[in-house]
């Protein structure tokens, strides 16, 4: 990579970091954020000023020791007490305000990304895009958004403040002490080839050379850590994500006796975690070898350089210690890059991950084909075009029409795209175009409903507040959904997706519909886990509700018994391969 390429990459990275940082400091909390940042900057500058005062104190104190001057010694001890007291106050409040800013920044960013992730079904559409785009291999795919929001935001806010304040401290320290060190260094004279050379501010030039060499070596030793840190975060998230899936599908795995396979999968993922971490440790070890040597050599380096002047009597002990202190401050400031390389590598990896997360929202907007949906009293579509995530066309220019009072069964072979069509009707399928008029007062019943952990009343009322319904209303809905035994357990807390059977979960989802009384019902295999008698009672109850509300019901079902409760059908038929789409939609009357 050429120097121009490196500069371009650095410019791109700084642009990305600023794009992640700016929104908070331009948000509705900007004045509080800016005030906190200004206070932290002021405290950092004050601490640098304290370091300058301590440097002056070293000279007077150690000269007093060398001269055995007791009165000056005790006076300097009193001065030190005041300096130390002021330093402690500044350090404590710098820590407190810094952590407060990090906390508020993290809270804002977390809320910001949660809002975007949970808006417009982005959390669902991102999962569709995850395996549908080629960018996954390049790390620009929205994998593990939970880790991005929880871990990456936390690390980004912490590292951004810590590194930026550390850099500010280094710059101000360098500006404050380079003049002091220049004045204390004196001139370094030497003869070469019969000519005498005189170098002013010799210690400053030695500090610059020392740190320049150290920074170059550190960069080349530590550069692999950037990609290793990025990869480590991704592999840790993959390992954790698979454990969550084992917990979510615990019953199915147990029934299949799949423990061995899952253990193998988890061990494989954890092996990838350990393998990458071992490479990261090795890279860090190489860097620690050098930085440890660099730091230890820096302790004695100024004494070695200034010792000839001290032994010649040109300077006293106090000035020698002052030179060492000033050199240490300049060297520490110039070594900021060396000392923080590992943190910079981790910060860059985190910034790249959050940038890719941000890019995933933009990719999501581009992938949404632009289905125009409007509220209506009927269901209809014009030129509905439906595609799959891989780009293949499922339906092209499909026409749909449903009126209040209709009961329609959507049928077709497995894999024909019936559930995909329902997702488009619900407005959550991003690969759809055309115009859709959708009834406003409608509910969708999936085959596998979701229930939040907590009191049963909250699972039943989800996503609305349980307080909007009386206990009698909740109990009545459960009775009508053939779950009378649950009507006395409304306050019981449980993990309902794990404790209820498949049939009970489907009936609890039906109870939601009966509780909220929508005019239009869309059911996707919503009774597949029920016996024929229960299914018949459930459908009769749902039909009675929509007839009372002058609505309609549209169902997906493979059971032939469900067809008896519908008056018409939409049939998905497979087309020849030469056609634009793989299927077409045909409407017909239901068989008697």
Protein backbone atom coordinates (compact mmCIF):
# COMPACT_ATOMS: atom_id res chain seq x y z
CA UNK A 1 0.00 0.00 0.00
CA UNK A 2 1.44 3.36 -1.05
CA UNK A 3 1.59 6.45 1.15
CA UNK A 4 -1.25 7.99 -0.87
CA UNK A 5 -3.38 4.89 -0.23
CA UNK A 6 -2.64 5.06 3.50
CA UNK A 7 -3.56 8.73 3.64
CA UNK A 8 -6.79 8.03 1.75
CA UNK A 9 -7.62 5.17 4.13
CA UNK A 10 -6.92 7.40 7.13
CA UNK A 11 -9.12 10.15 5.70
CA UNK A 12 -11.93 7.64 5.13
CA UNK A 13 -11.63 6.33 8.66
CA UNK A 14 -11.69 9.79 10.25
CA UNK A 15 -14.74 10.64 8.15
CA UNK A 16 -16.47 7.49 9.39
CA UNK A 17 -15.57 8.20 13.02
CA UNK A 18 -16.85 11.78 12.73
CA UNK A 19 -20.07 10.56 11.08
CA UNK A 20 -20.70 8.37 14.14
CA UNK A 21 -19.71 11.09 16.62
CA UNK A 22 -21.43 14.16 15.21
CA UNK A 23 -25.11 13.16 15.60
CA UNK A 24 -24.99 13.15 19.42
CA UNK A 25 -23.26 16.52 19.66
CA UNK A 26 -25.81 17.95 17.21
CA UNK A 27 -28.83 16.28 18.83
CA UNK A 28 -31.45 17.64 21.20
CA UNK A 29 -28.92 16.98 23.99
CA UNK A 30 -26.17 18.95 22.26
CA UNK A 31 -25.83 21.74 24.84
CA UNK A 32 -25.44 19.36 27.77
CA UNK A 33 -23.03 17.24 25.73
CA UNK A 34 -20.95 20.21 24.62
CA UNK A 35 -20.89 21.68 28.14
CA UNK A 36 -19.64 18.38 29.57
CA UNK A 37 -17.04 18.09 26.82
CA UNK A 38 -15.86 21.66 27.45
CA UNK A 39 -15.58 20.98 31.19
CA UNK A 40 -13.55 17.82 30.53
CA UNK A 41 -11.23 19.72 28.16
CA UNK A 42 -10.76 22.43 30.79
CA UNK A 43 -9.94 19.84 33.46
CA UNK A 44 -7.41 18.20 31.14
CA UNK A 45 -5.74 21.53 30.50
CA UNK A 46 -5.71 22.21 34.24
CA UNK A 47 -4.00 18.88 34.90
CA UNK A 48 -1.32 19.73 32.34
CA UNK A 49 -0.80 23.04 34.11
CA UNK A 50 -0.47 21.11 37.39
CA UNK A 51 2.25 19.01 35.75
CA UNK A 52 4.12 22.21 34.86
CA UNK A 53 3.87 23.38 38.49
CA UNK A 54 5.16 20.01 39.71
CA UNK A 55 8.07 20.27 37.30
CA UNK A 56 9.04 23.64 38.80
CA UNK A 57 8.65 22.15 42.26
CA UNK A 58 11.14 19.34 41.47
CA UNK A 59 13.99 21.80 40.88
CA UNK A 60 13.49 23.75 44.10
CA UNK A 61 12.85 20.66 46.21
CA UNK A 62 15.84 18.61 45.04
CA UNK A 63 18.16 21.61 45.16
CA UNK A 64 17.09 22.05 48.79
CA UNK A 65 17.97 18.42 49.45
CA UNK A 66 21.37 18.79 47.78
CA UNK A 67 22.11 21.96 49.78
CA UNK A 68 20.61 20.51 53.01
CA UNK A 69 18.37 23.59 53.32
CA UNK A 70 15.73 22.51 55.88
CA UNK A 71 13.59 25.69 55.76
CA UNK A 72 13.19 25.50 51.97
CA UNK A 73 12.61 21.75 52.23
CA UNK A 74 9.65 22.12 54.63
CA UNK A 75 8.24 25.05 52.70
CA UNK A 76 8.27 22.93 49.55
CA UNK A 77 6.60 20.07 51.40
CA UNK A 78 3.75 22.44 52.30
CA UNK A 79 3.56 23.62 48.70
CA UNK A 80 3.49 19.99 47.54
CA UNK A 81 0.52 19.28 49.83
CA UNK A 82 -1.47 22.08 48.22
CA UNK A 83 -0.47 21.00 44.72
CA UNK A 84 -1.35 17.39 45.46
CA UNK A 85 -4.74 18.39 46.94
CA UNK A 86 -5.60 20.45 43.85
CA UNK A 87 -4.42 17.64 41.55
CA UNK A 88 -6.61 15.08 43.34
CA UNK A 89 -9.73 17.28 43.01
CA UNK A 90 -9.09 17.87 39.32
CA UNK A 91 -8.38 14.18 38.65
CA UNK A 92 -11.53 13.01 40.46
CA UNK A 93 -13.82 15.42 38.62
CA UNK A 94 -12.13 14.69 35.31
CA UNK A 95 -12.90 11.00 35.84
CA UNK A 96 -16.48 11.65 36.99
CA UNK A 97 -17.43 14.06 34.19
CA UNK A 98 -15.74 11.87 31.57
CA UNK A 99 -17.70 8.81 32.67
CA UNK A 100 -20.89 10.89 32.83
CA UNK A 101 -20.38 12.04 29.23
CA UNK A 102 -19.65 8.46 28.11
CA UNK A 103 -22.79 7.26 29.90
CA UNK A 104 -25.04 9.91 28.33
CA UNK A 105 -23.51 9.45 24.90
CA UNK A 106 -23.95 5.68 25.09
CA UNK A 107 -27.56 6.10 26.25
CA UNK A 108 -28.32 8.43 23.33
CA UNK A 109 -26.63 6.23 20.71
CA UNK A 110 -28.30 3.10 22.08
CA UNK A 111 -31.73 4.77 21.96
CA UNK A 112 -30.96 6.15 18.49
CA UNK A 113 -30.01 2.77 17.02
CA UNK A 114 -32.74 0.86 18.86
CA UNK A 115 -35.29 3.26 17.40
CA UNK A 116 -33.96 2.76 13.87
CA UNK A 117 -33.57 -1.00 14.29
CA UNK A 118 -37.11 -1.40 15.61
CA UNK A 119 -38.71 1.00 13.12
CA UNK A 120 -40.30 -0.06 9.85
CA UNK A 121 -39.49 -3.73 10.63
CA UNK A 122 -35.78 -3.08 10.04
CA UNK A 123 -34.83 -5.83 12.51
CA UNK A 124 -36.71 -8.33 10.34
CA UNK A 125 -35.59 -7.04 6.96
CA UNK A 126 -31.95 -7.00 8.02
CA UNK A 127 -32.10 -10.73 8.68
CA UNK A 128 -33.43 -11.23 5.15
CA UNK A 129 -30.60 -9.12 3.73
CA UNK A 130 -27.96 -10.81 5.82
CA UNK A 131 -27.64 -13.81 3.55
CA UNK A 132 -29.04 -12.19 0.43
CA UNK A 133 -26.16 -9.79 -0.24
CA UNK A 134 -22.63 -10.57 -1.32
CA UNK A 135 -21.24 -7.96 1.07
CA UNK A 136 -21.43 -10.38 3.98
CA UNK A 137 -17.98 -11.71 3.21
CA UNK A 138 -16.58 -8.20 3.28
CA UNK A 139 -17.97 -7.48 6.72
CA UNK A 140 -20.53 -4.90 5.54
CA UNK A 141 -23.54 -7.02 6.39
CA UNK A 142 -25.75 -6.40 9.42
CA UNK A 143 -24.66 -9.48 11.36
CA UNK A 144 -25.33 -9.62 15.10
CA UNK A 145 -27.06 -6.25 15.59
CA UNK A 146 -27.44 -7.10 19.27
CA UNK A 147 -23.68 -6.95 19.69
CA UNK A 148 -23.41 -3.72 17.70
CA UNK A 149 -25.97 -2.00 19.90
CA UNK A 150 -24.81 -3.39 23.23
CA UNK A 151 -21.06 -3.91 23.04
CA UNK A 152 -19.82 -1.83 20.12
CA UNK A 153 -21.60 1.37 21.13
CA UNK A 154 -20.28 1.00 24.67
CA UNK A 155 -16.72 0.48 23.45
CA UNK A 156 -16.95 3.22 20.82
CA UNK A 157 -18.12 5.90 23.28
CA UNK A 158 -15.56 4.87 25.91
CA UNK A 159 -12.64 4.71 23.49
CA UNK A 160 -13.63 7.87 21.60
CA UNK A 161 -13.60 9.98 24.75
CA UNK A 162 -10.55 8.30 26.28
CA UNK A 163 -8.43 8.48 23.13
CA UNK A 164 -9.48 11.99 22.11
CA UNK A 165 -8.85 13.38 25.61
CA UNK A 166 -5.58 11.48 25.75
CA UNK A 167 -4.51 12.98 22.43
CA UNK A 168 -5.51 16.46 23.60
CA UNK A 169 -3.55 15.94 26.81
CA UNK A 170 -0.52 14.78 24.82
CA UNK A 171 -0.65 17.79 22.46
CA UNK A 172 -1.04 20.33 25.27
CA UNK A 173 1.64 18.60 27.37
CA UNK A 174 4.02 18.67 24.43
CA UNK A 175 3.33 22.37 23.84
CA UNK A 176 3.80 23.14 27.54
CA UNK A 177 6.99 21.16 28.17
CA UNK A 178 8.88 21.36 24.91
CA UNK A 179 9.85 24.97 25.72
CA UNK A 180 10.83 24.01 29.26
CA UNK A 181 12.96 21.11 28.01
CA UNK A 182 14.53 23.31 25.34
CA UNK A 183 15.58 25.87 27.91
CA UNK A 184 16.94 23.22 30.31
CA UNK A 185 18.76 21.20 27.64
CA UNK A 186 21.50 23.67 26.90
CA UNK A 187 23.66 23.25 23.81
CA UNK A 188 25.40 20.08 22.72
CA UNK A 189 28.75 20.75 21.06
CA UNK A 190 30.86 18.20 19.24
CA UNK A 191 33.71 18.20 16.73
CA UNK A 192 33.53 16.25 13.47
CA UNK A 193 36.08 16.40 10.67
CA UNK A 194 37.83 19.34 12.25
CA UNK A 195 34.61 21.37 12.50
CA UNK A 196 32.72 22.19 15.68
CA UNK A 197 28.95 21.77 15.70
CA UNK A 198 26.61 23.24 18.32
CA UNK A 199 23.08 21.80 18.63
CA UNK A 200 20.69 23.90 20.76
CA UNK A 201 17.86 22.14 22.62
CA UNK A 202 19.63 18.81 22.28
CA UNK A 203 17.25 16.95 24.65
CA UNK A 204 14.24 18.01 22.58
CA UNK A 205 15.76 16.58 19.41
CA UNK A 206 16.68 13.37 21.23
CA UNK A 207 13.08 13.01 22.50
CA UNK A 208 11.73 13.56 18.99
CA UNK A 209 14.12 11.02 17.47
CA UNK A 210 13.49 8.50 20.25
CA UNK A 211 9.69 8.67 19.86
CA UNK A 212 9.71 8.81 16.07
CA UNK A 213 11.67 5.57 15.85
CA UNK A 214 9.41 4.02 18.50
CA UNK A 215 6.21 5.05 16.70
CA UNK A 216 7.33 3.64 13.35
CA UNK A 217 8.34 0.32 14.89
CA UNK A 218 5.11 0.17 16.91
CA UNK A 219 2.99 0.73 13.82
CA UNK A 220 4.57 -2.09 11.87
CA UNK A 221 4.47 -4.46 14.86
CA UNK A 222 0.90 -3.62 15.86
CA UNK A 223 -0.82 -3.14 12.50
CA UNK A 224 -2.18 -6.74 12.33
CA UNK A 225 -4.17 -6.10 15.50
CA UNK A 226 -6.73 -3.92 13.66
CA UNK A 227 -8.12 -6.77 11.56
CA UNK A 228 -7.65 -9.29 14.38
CA UNK A 229 -9.74 -7.14 16.74
CA UNK A 230 -12.47 -6.78 14.12
CA UNK A 231 -12.52 -10.51 13.53
CA UNK A 232 -12.48 -11.28 17.27
CA UNK A 233 -15.60 -9.19 17.90
CA UNK A 234 -17.41 -10.89 15.01
CA UNK A 235 -16.50 -14.42 16.11
CA UNK A 236 -17.44 -13.73 19.73
CA UNK A 237 -20.83 -12.48 18.56
CA UNK A 238 -21.37 -15.54 16.33
CA UNK A 239 -20.59 -17.86 19.24
CA UNK A 240 -22.99 -16.04 21.56
CA UNK A 241 -25.70 -15.90 18.87
CA UNK A 242 -25.62 -19.67 18.38
CA UNK A 243 -25.97 -20.26 22.13
CA UNK A 244 -29.04 -18.00 22.11
CA UNK A 245 -30.52 -20.08 19.27
CA UNK A 246 -29.94 -23.27 21.28
CA UNK A 247 -31.89 -21.74 24.15
CA UNK A 248 -34.70 -20.55 21.86
CA UNK A 249 -35.08 -23.94 20.16
CA UNK A 250 -34.27 -26.03 23.23
CA UNK A 251 -37.36 -28.24 22.97
CA UNK A 252 -36.92 -29.05 19.28
CA UNK A 253 -33.22 -29.82 19.81
CA UNK A 254 -34.02 -32.03 22.81
CA UNK A 255 -36.69 -33.93 20.87
CA UNK A 256 -34.28 -34.51 17.99
CA UNK A 257 -31.51 -35.53 20.40
CA UNK A 258 -29.44 -32.85 18.73
CA UNK A 259 -27.19 -32.09 21.71
CA UNK A 260 -24.16 -33.65 20.06
CA UNK A 261 -24.56 -31.64 16.87
CA UNK A 262 -25.11 -28.39 18.77
CA UNK A 263 -22.10 -29.08 20.97
CA UNK A 264 -20.03 -29.71 17.87
CA UNK A 265 -21.30 -26.48 16.30
CA UNK A 266 -20.61 -24.49 19.46
CA UNK A 267 -17.16 -26.02 19.89
CA UNK A 268 -16.36 -25.20 16.26
CA UNK A 269 -17.42 -21.58 16.73
CA UNK A 270 -15.57 -21.34 20.04
CA UNK A 271 -12.53 -22.86 18.35
CA UNK A 272 -12.65 -19.99 15.86
CA UNK A 273 -12.87 -17.56 18.78
CA UNK A 274 -9.84 -19.12 20.49
CA UNK A 275 -7.86 -19.40 17.27
CA UNK A 276 -8.27 -15.74 16.41
CA UNK A 277 -7.67 -14.72 20.03
CA UNK A 278 -4.43 -16.70 20.07
CA UNK A 279 -3.29 -14.83 16.95
CA UNK A 280 -4.28 -11.57 18.66
CA UNK A 281 -2.29 -12.52 21.77
CA UNK A 282 0.76 -13.28 19.64
CA UNK A 283 0.47 -9.95 17.87
CA UNK A 284 0.08 -8.18 21.22
CA UNK A 285 3.05 -10.09 22.63
CA UNK A 286 5.30 -8.81 19.86
CA UNK A 287 4.13 -5.28 20.57
CA UNK A 288 4.53 -5.65 24.35
CA UNK A 289 8.13 -6.82 23.85
CA UNK A 290 8.94 -3.55 22.13
CA UNK A 291 6.79 -1.16 24.20
CA UNK A 292 8.17 -2.60 27.47
CA UNK A 293 11.73 -2.05 26.28
CA UNK A 294 10.77 1.37 24.96
CA UNK A 295 9.20 2.43 28.26
CA UNK A 296 12.02 1.14 30.47
CA UNK A 297 14.71 2.74 28.31
CA UNK A 298 12.86 6.05 28.52
CA UNK A 299 13.32 6.10 32.32
CA UNK A 300 17.12 6.25 32.19
CA UNK A 301 17.59 7.85 28.78
CA UNK A 302 17.42 11.51 29.96
CA UNK A 303 19.79 10.80 32.87
CA UNK A 304 22.32 9.21 30.53
CA UNK A 305 22.16 12.18 28.15
CA UNK A 306 22.26 14.87 30.89
CA UNK A 307 24.72 13.10 33.21
CA UNK A 308 27.90 14.69 31.69
CA UNK A 309 26.58 18.20 32.46
CA UNK A 310 25.70 17.18 36.03
CA UNK A 311 29.09 15.60 36.76
CA UNK A 312 30.86 18.57 35.22
CA UNK A 313 29.00 20.84 37.66
CA UNK A 314 27.11 22.71 34.95
CA UNK A 315 23.78 21.79 36.57
CA UNK A 316 22.67 20.76 40.06
CA UNK A 317 20.62 17.75 41.17
CA UNK A 318 17.36 19.72 41.11
CA UNK A 319 17.88 20.77 37.51
CA UNK A 320 18.85 17.21 36.54
CA UNK A 321 15.59 15.88 38.03
CA UNK A 322 13.70 18.74 36.35
CA UNK A 323 15.27 17.81 33.00
CA UNK A 324 14.29 14.17 33.56
CA UNK A 325 10.72 15.19 34.44
CA UNK A 326 10.38 17.51 31.44
CA UNK A 327 11.89 14.89 29.13
CA UNK A 328 9.46 12.33 30.53
CA UNK A 329 6.51 14.62 29.84
CA UNK A 330 7.68 15.35 26.28
CA UNK A 331 8.48 11.71 25.67
CA UNK A 332 5.10 10.56 27.04
CA UNK A 333 3.33 13.11 24.84
CA UNK A 334 5.24 12.04 21.76
CA UNK A 335 4.74 8.36 22.67
CA UNK A 336 0.96 8.65 22.81
CA UNK A 337 0.71 6.68 19.57
CA UNK A 338 3.02 3.96 20.93
CA UNK A 339 1.23 3.67 24.28
CA UNK A 340 -2.28 3.60 22.77
CA UNK A 341 -1.73 1.50 19.68
CA UNK A 342 -3.69 -1.51 20.96
CA UNK A 343 -6.55 0.76 22.04
CA UNK A 344 -6.48 2.51 18.68
CA UNK A 345 -6.63 -0.84 16.89
CA UNK A 346 -9.65 -1.93 18.96
CA UNK A 347 -11.33 1.47 18.45
CA UNK A 348 -10.81 1.30 14.70
CA UNK A 349 -12.31 -2.19 14.58
CA UNK A 350 -15.32 -1.01 16.59
CA UNK A 351 -15.73 2.05 14.38
CA UNK A 352 -15.65 -0.15 11.28
CA UNK A 353 -18.34 -2.42 12.75
CA UNK A 354 -20.62 0.49 13.65
CA UNK A 355 -20.01 2.04 10.25
CA UNK A 356 -21.07 -1.20 8.56
CA UNK A 357 -24.14 -1.27 10.83
CA UNK A 358 -24.95 2.28 9.73
CA UNK A 359 -24.41 1.24 6.11
CA UNK A 360 -26.84 -1.64 6.58
CA UNK A 361 -29.66 0.83 7.24
CA UNK A 362 -28.84 2.55 3.96
CA UNK A 363 -28.68 -0.80 2.16
CA UNK A 364 -32.06 -1.63 3.67
CA UNK A 365 -33.56 1.56 2.27
CA UNK A 366 -32.14 0.75 -1.17
CA UNK A 367 -33.41 -2.83 -1.06
CA UNK A 368 -36.97 -1.77 -0.31
CA UNK A 369 -38.46 -1.88 -3.80
CA UNK A 370 -41.14 0.65 -3.03
CA UNK A 371 -44.47 -1.05 -2.43
CA UNK A 372 -47.00 1.76 -2.20
CA UNK A 373 -49.46 0.84 0.56
CA UNK A 374 -52.53 2.88 1.44
CA UNK A 375 -55.23 2.39 4.05
CA UNK A 376 -58.55 1.21 2.72
CA UNK A 377 -61.81 -0.57 3.59
CA UNK A 378 -60.98 -3.33 1.11
CA UNK A 379 -57.94 -5.35 0.07
CA UNK A 380 -56.72 -4.80 -3.50
CA UNK A 381 -53.49 -4.56 -5.44
CA UNK A 382 -52.35 -3.31 -8.83
CA UNK A 383 -49.32 -4.73 -10.63
CA UNK A 384 -48.01 -6.43 -7.51
CA UNK A 385 -44.46 -7.59 -8.15
CA UNK A 386 -42.96 -9.97 -5.60
CA UNK A 387 -39.36 -11.16 -5.54
CA UNK A 388 -37.24 -13.31 -3.26
CA UNK A 389 -34.05 -12.11 -1.50
CA UNK A 390 -31.90 -13.82 -4.14
CA UNK A 391 -33.57 -11.72 -6.87
CA UNK A 392 -35.76 -14.40 -8.44
CA UNK A 393 -39.30 -13.22 -9.23
CA UNK A 394 -42.14 -14.96 -7.45
CA UNK A 395 -45.13 -12.99 -8.80
CA UNK A 396 -45.35 -10.37 -11.53
CA UNK A 397 -48.25 -7.96 -12.03
CA UNK A 398 -50.49 -9.94 -9.71
CA UNK A 399 -54.01 -8.64 -9.07
CA UNK A 400 -55.69 -9.13 -5.69
CA UNK A 401 -59.22 -8.26 -4.67
CA UNK A 402 -61.07 -8.96 -1.39
CA UNK A 403 -64.20 -7.36 0.02
CA UNK A 404 -65.78 -7.30 3.48
CA UNK A 405 -67.63 -10.56 3.99
CA UNK A 406 -65.08 -12.62 2.02
CA UNK A 407 -63.43 -15.71 3.41
CA UNK A 408 -60.50 -16.65 1.16
CA UNK A 409 -58.14 -19.60 1.31
CA UNK A 410 -54.69 -19.08 -0.23
CA UNK A 411 -53.46 -22.44 -1.48
CA UNK A 412 -50.58 -23.82 -3.46
CA UNK A 413 -47.72 -26.30 -3.13
CA UNK A 414 -45.18 -25.94 -0.37
CA UNK A 415 -42.50 -23.40 -1.27
CA UNK A 416 -44.72 -21.59 -3.76
CA UNK A 417 -44.47 -18.36 -1.77
CA UNK A 418 -47.76 -18.23 0.13
CA UNK A 419 -46.16 -16.93 3.34
CA UNK A 420 -44.07 -14.48 1.32
CA UNK A 421 -47.25 -13.06 -0.21
CA UNK A 422 -48.71 -12.67 3.28
CA UNK A 423 -45.61 -10.80 4.40
CA UNK A 424 -46.06 -8.46 1.45
CA UNK A 425 -49.72 -7.93 2.40
CA UNK A 426 -48.55 -7.10 5.93
CA UNK A 427 -46.12 -4.54 4.50
CA UNK A 428 -42.95 -6.12 5.91
CA UNK A 429 -41.52 -7.71 2.73
CA UNK A 430 -38.84 -5.41 1.28
CA UNK A 431 -38.69 -7.08 -2.14
CA UNK A 432 -42.13 -6.01 -3.35
CA UNK A 433 -43.34 -3.28 -5.71
CA UNK A 434 -46.70 -2.12 -6.93
CA UNK A 435 -49.73 -0.59 -5.28
CA UNK A 436 -51.53 -2.16 -2.34
CA UNK A 437 -54.73 -1.05 -0.62
CA UNK A 438 -54.75 -2.69 2.81
CA UNK A 439 -57.53 -2.69 5.40
CA UNK A 440 -56.64 -0.58 8.41
CA UNK A 441 -58.29 -2.68 11.13
CA UNK A 442 -56.48 -5.98 10.54
CA UNK A 443 -54.33 -8.54 12.38
CA UNK A 444 -51.91 -11.17 11.10
CA UNK A 445 -51.64 -14.58 12.73
CA UNK A 446 -48.31 -16.33 12.01
CA UNK A 447 -47.83 -20.06 12.33
CA UNK A 448 -45.37 -19.51 15.15
CA UNK A 449 -46.56 -16.56 17.28
CA UNK A 450 -44.34 -14.57 19.61
CA UNK A 451 -45.01 -14.17 23.33
CA UNK A 452 -42.86 -11.99 25.60
CA UNK A 453 -41.66 -13.48 28.87
CA UNK A 454 -43.64 -12.08 31.77
CA UNK A 455 -47.22 -12.13 33.11
CA UNK A 456 -49.71 -14.02 30.96
CA UNK A 457 -51.92 -10.94 30.66
CA UNK A 458 -49.06 -9.09 28.91
CA UNK A 459 -48.45 -12.01 26.55
CA UNK A 460 -52.16 -12.00 25.68
CA UNK A 461 -52.46 -8.24 25.14
CA UNK A 462 -49.13 -7.89 23.26
CA UNK A 463 -48.18 -5.51 21.72
CA UNK A 464 -50.71 -3.34 23.55
CA UNK A 465 -50.67 -2.61 27.27
CA UNK A 466 -52.53 -5.19 29.34
CA UNK A 467 -54.05 -2.35 31.39
CA UNK A 468 -56.21 -1.43 28.38
CA UNK A 469 -58.31 -4.54 28.96
CA UNK A 470 -60.30 -5.74 31.96
CA UNK A 471 -59.75 -9.13 33.54
CA UNK A 472 -63.18 -10.19 32.30
CA UNK A 473 -62.24 -9.31 28.71
CA UNK A 474 -58.96 -11.20 28.98
CA UNK A 475 -60.63 -14.26 30.53
CA UNK A 476 -63.44 -14.22 27.96
CA UNK A 477 -60.93 -14.22 25.09
CA UNK A 478 -59.13 -17.21 26.60
CA UNK A 479 -62.39 -19.13 27.06
CA UNK A 480 -63.47 -18.49 23.47
CA UNK A 481 -60.02 -19.61 22.24
CA UNK A 482 -60.48 -22.92 24.10
CA UNK A 483 -57.99 -22.04 26.87
CA UNK A 484 -60.24 -21.83 29.95
CA UNK A 485 -57.50 -23.27 32.19
CA UNK A 486 -55.35 -20.19 31.55
CA UNK A 487 -58.06 -17.69 32.56
CA UNK A 488 -57.09 -18.04 36.25
CA UNK A 489 -53.36 -17.55 35.55
CA UNK A 490 -53.37 -14.01 34.17
CA UNK A 491 -50.83 -12.78 36.73
CA UNK A 492 -48.56 -15.79 36.42
CA UNK A 493 -45.07 -14.98 35.09
CA UNK A 494 -43.62 -17.42 32.61
CA UNK A 495 -41.66 -18.07 29.44
CA UNK A 496 -44.81 -18.86 27.45
CA UNK A 497 -43.04 -19.73 24.20
CA UNK A 498 -41.32 -22.58 26.07
CA UNK A 499 -43.97 -23.68 28.57
CA UNK A 500 -47.00 -23.83 26.26
CA UNK A 501 -47.44 -26.51 23.62
CA UNK A 502 -47.62 -25.58 19.94
CA UNK A 503 -51.39 -25.90 19.92
CA UNK A 504 -51.73 -23.80 23.09
CA UNK A 505 -49.53 -21.10 21.60
CA UNK A 506 -51.68 -20.96 18.46
CA UNK A 507 -54.86 -20.75 20.53
CA UNK A 508 -53.32 -18.00 22.68
CA UNK A 509 -52.59 -16.07 19.47
CA UNK A 510 -56.24 -16.57 18.45
CA UNK A 511 -57.25 -15.26 21.87
CA UNK A 512 -55.40 -12.04 21.02
CA UNK A 513 -57.53 -11.66 17.91
CA UNK A 514 -60.72 -12.32 19.85
CA UNK A 515 -59.62 -9.81 22.49
CA UNK A 516 -58.87 -7.00 20.03
CA UNK A 517 -61.68 -7.75 17.55
CA UNK A 518 -60.07 -6.70 14.23
CA UNK A 519 -62.36 -6.56 11.18
CA UNK A 520 -59.83 -8.29 8.91
CA UNK A 521 -57.88 -11.42 9.87
CA UNK A 522 -54.92 -12.88 7.98
CA UNK A 523 -53.97 -16.37 9.19
CA UNK A 524 -50.83 -18.21 8.04
CA UNK A 525 -51.20 -21.87 9.11
CA UNK A 526 -52.56 -20.43 12.36
CA UNK A 527 -54.31 -23.70 13.35
CA UNK A 528 -51.79 -26.22 11.98
CA UNK A 529 -51.08 -27.62 15.46
CA UNK A 530 -54.76 -28.09 16.41
CA UNK A 531 -56.91 -31.17 16.13
CA UNK A 532 -59.80 -31.13 13.68
CA UNK A 533 -62.47 -30.48 16.32
CA UNK A 534 -60.59 -27.59 17.94
CA UNK A 535 -59.75 -26.12 14.54
CA UNK A 536 -63.42 -26.20 13.55
CA UNK A 537 -64.51 -24.40 16.71
CA UNK A 538 -61.76 -21.79 16.35
CA UNK A 539 -62.65 -21.01 12.71
CA UNK A 540 -66.35 -20.79 13.51
CA UNK A 541 -65.54 -18.30 16.28
CA UNK A 542 -63.31 -16.22 13.99
CA UNK A 543 -65.90 -16.21 11.20
CA UNK A 544 -68.60 -15.08 13.62
CA UNK A 545 -66.36 -12.22 14.72
CA UNK A 546 -65.60 -10.92 11.22
CA UNK A 547 -69.24 -11.22 10.18
CA UNK A 548 -70.22 -9.17 13.19
CA UNK A 549 -67.58 -6.57 12.32
CA UNK A 550 -68.29 -6.70 8.56
CA UNK A 551 -64.73 -7.80 7.81
CA UNK A 552 -63.01 -10.68 6.05
CA UNK A 553 -60.61 -13.55 6.68
CA UNK A 554 -57.79 -14.75 4.43
CA UNK A 555 -56.05 -17.98 5.40
CA UNK A 556 -53.11 -20.11 4.40
CA UNK A 557 -53.58 -23.79 5.23
CA UNK A 558 -52.61 -27.17 3.88
CA UNK A 559 -55.29 -29.06 5.80
CA UNK A 560 -58.23 -29.84 3.49
CA UNK A 561 -60.63 -29.37 6.43
CA UNK A 562 -59.84 -25.63 6.56
CA UNK A 563 -61.26 -25.13 3.07
CA UNK A 564 -64.77 -25.75 4.39
CA UNK A 565 -64.67 -22.41 6.22
CA UNK A 566 -63.87 -20.35 3.10
CA UNK A 567 -66.03 -19.35 0.15
CA UNK A 568 -63.27 -18.63 -2.38
CA UNK A 569 -59.64 -19.46 -3.11
CA UNK A 570 -56.46 -17.82 -4.38
CA UNK A 571 -54.29 -20.46 -5.99
CA UNK A 572 -50.56 -20.05 -6.57
CA UNK A 573 -49.65 -21.99 -9.71
CA UNK A 574 -46.16 -22.73 -10.95
CA UNK A 575 -45.33 -21.29 -14.39
CA UNK A 576 -42.92 -22.62 -17.03
CA UNK A 577 -39.33 -21.54 -16.65
CA UNK A 578 -39.59 -19.25 -19.68
CA UNK A 579 -42.00 -16.95 -17.84
CA UNK A 580 -40.83 -13.78 -16.07
CA UNK A 581 -42.17 -14.99 -12.73
CA UNK A 582 -42.12 -18.47 -11.24
CA UNK A 583 -45.81 -18.40 -10.20
CA UNK A 584 -49.10 -16.77 -10.99
CA UNK A 585 -52.10 -16.11 -8.75
CA UNK A 586 -55.51 -17.39 -9.82
CA UNK A 587 -58.80 -16.68 -8.07
CA UNK A 588 -61.60 -19.24 -8.02
CA UNK A 589 -64.62 -20.26 -5.99
CA UNK A 590 -63.97 -22.75 -3.23
CA UNK A 591 -65.17 -26.28 -4.03
CA UNK A 592 -68.38 -27.28 -2.34
